[in-house]
Amino acid sequence: MKPPRTQQFLGRDSYRMRRVMDAARILPLFGLILLLLPLMRHSPEFEAPPTATESVYLFAVWAALILAAFLFSLWLRRALDQPERRADPSDPIADTDGKED
């Protein structure tokens, strides 16, 4: 009889941290697309939208990108700076090298 098959499991915290890191890497590209949208939607056949509207849009996107980058940095700093549990040499339970004394 075959032994039961173990499922591969990724820790929830490390999975989320990797997804946040991916989102932080994609943020500049996403911001570039958002900043170029007014140029892409402008057609020479129609009248240009008011400058005030475009300025407010660009400022809002700029502020949102700064806020998103700040939040990503806080989240990643908190996740990456967590102290790992250090093995105490006097603790017999922490000895996980698999050797018998």
Protein backbone atom coordinates (compact mmCIF):
# COMPACT_ATOMS: atom_id res chain seq x y z
CA MET A 1 0.00 0.00 0.00
CA LYS A 2 1.25 3.48 -0.82
CA PRO A 3 1.90 5.89 2.02
CA PRO A 4 -0.49 8.84 2.17
CA ARG A 5 0.57 11.64 -0.05
CA THR A 6 1.50 14.84 1.75
CA GLN A 7 0.21 18.09 0.38
CA GLN A 8 2.60 20.83 -0.51
CA PHE A 9 1.81 23.81 1.61
CA LEU A 10 2.96 27.39 1.44
CA GLY A 11 2.69 29.36 4.62
CA ARG A 12 -0.06 31.94 4.49
CA ASP A 13 2.16 34.74 5.77
CA SER A 14 4.98 34.09 3.31
CA TYR A 15 2.47 33.77 0.45
CA ARG A 16 0.90 37.13 1.29
CA MET A 17 4.29 38.77 1.68
CA ARG A 18 5.32 37.54 -1.77
CA ARG A 19 2.11 38.89 -3.30
CA VAL A 20 2.69 42.29 -1.67
CA MET A 21 6.25 42.26 -3.02
CA ASP A 22 4.86 41.50 -6.48
CA ALA A 23 2.35 44.34 -6.18
CA ALA A 24 5.12 46.72 -5.11
CA ARG A 25 7.14 45.71 -8.16
CA ILE A 26 4.20 46.29 -10.52
CA LEU A 27 3.21 49.63 -8.95
CA PRO A 28 5.50 51.79 -11.16
CA LEU A 29 4.15 50.20 -14.34
CA PHE A 30 0.58 50.62 -13.12
CA GLY A 31 1.32 54.26 -12.28
CA LEU A 32 2.82 54.89 -15.70
CA ILE A 33 -0.30 53.53 -17.39
CA LEU A 34 -2.54 55.68 -15.17
CA LEU A 35 -0.46 58.79 -15.87
CA LEU A 36 -0.53 58.18 -19.63
CA LEU A 37 -4.28 57.55 -19.80
CA PRO A 38 -5.16 61.21 -20.49
CA LEU A 39 -2.79 61.19 -23.47
CA MET A 40 -4.14 57.92 -24.80
CA ARG A 41 -7.79 58.89 -24.67
CA HIS A 42 -7.35 62.28 -26.33
CA SER A 43 -8.49 62.26 -29.92
CA PRO A 44 -7.44 65.07 -32.29
CA GLU A 45 -10.96 65.08 -33.77
CA PHE A 46 -12.55 66.25 -30.51
CA GLU A 47 -11.98 69.22 -28.30
CA ALA A 48 -9.36 68.75 -25.58
CA PRO A 49 -10.66 68.29 -22.03
CA PRO A 50 -10.23 71.20 -19.65
CA THR A 51 -6.75 71.61 -18.23
CA ALA A 52 -8.09 71.87 -14.67
CA THR A 53 -9.75 68.46 -14.93
CA GLU A 54 -6.57 66.87 -16.27
CA SER A 55 -4.50 68.54 -13.55
CA VAL A 56 -6.77 67.26 -10.80
CA TYR A 57 -6.63 63.75 -12.30
CA LEU A 58 -2.83 63.78 -12.51
CA PHE A 59 -2.48 65.10 -8.95
CA ALA A 60 -4.91 62.46 -7.63
CA VAL A 61 -3.02 59.64 -9.40
CA TRP A 62 0.29 61.00 -8.15
CA ALA A 63 -0.97 61.19 -4.56
CA ALA A 64 -2.51 57.70 -4.77
CA LEU A 65 0.77 56.24 -6.05
CA ILE A 66 2.71 57.85 -3.20
CA LEU A 67 0.20 56.54 -0.66
CA ALA A 68 0.27 53.03 -2.17
CA ALA A 69 4.08 52.94 -2.16
CA PHE A 70 4.12 54.13 1.46
CA LEU A 71 1.64 51.45 2.55
CA PHE A 72 3.53 48.73 0.68
CA SER A 73 6.78 49.83 2.33
CA LEU A 74 5.22 49.76 5.81
CA TRP A 75 3.72 46.33 5.22
CA LEU A 76 6.93 44.88 3.81
CA ARG A 77 9.13 46.48 6.48
CA ARG A 78 6.97 45.01 9.23
CA ALA A 79 6.95 41.58 7.59
CA LEU A 80 10.65 41.47 6.74
CA ASP A 81 11.94 42.92 10.03
CA GLN A 82 10.23 40.35 12.25
CA PRO A 83 12.94 38.70 14.33
CA GLU A 84 13.28 35.04 13.58
CA ARG A 85 13.29 32.71 16.52
CA ARG A 86 16.90 32.06 17.36
CA ALA A 87 17.79 28.64 18.69
CA ASP A 88 19.07 28.74 22.24
CA PRO A 89 22.12 26.43 22.53
CA SER A 90 21.02 25.32 26.01
CA ASP A 91 17.54 24.34 24.80
CA PRO A 92 17.47 20.59 23.99
CA ILE A 93 14.21 20.91 22.07
CA ALA A 94 15.68 23.50 19.68
CA ASP A 95 18.37 21.02 18.60
CA THR A 96 17.08 20.01 15.17
CA ASP A 97 20.24 18.87 13.43
CA GLY A 98 19.11 15.25 13.73
CA LYS A 99 22.20 13.99 15.58
CA GLU A 100 22.09 12.11 18.84
CA ASP A 101 24.53 13.08 21.58
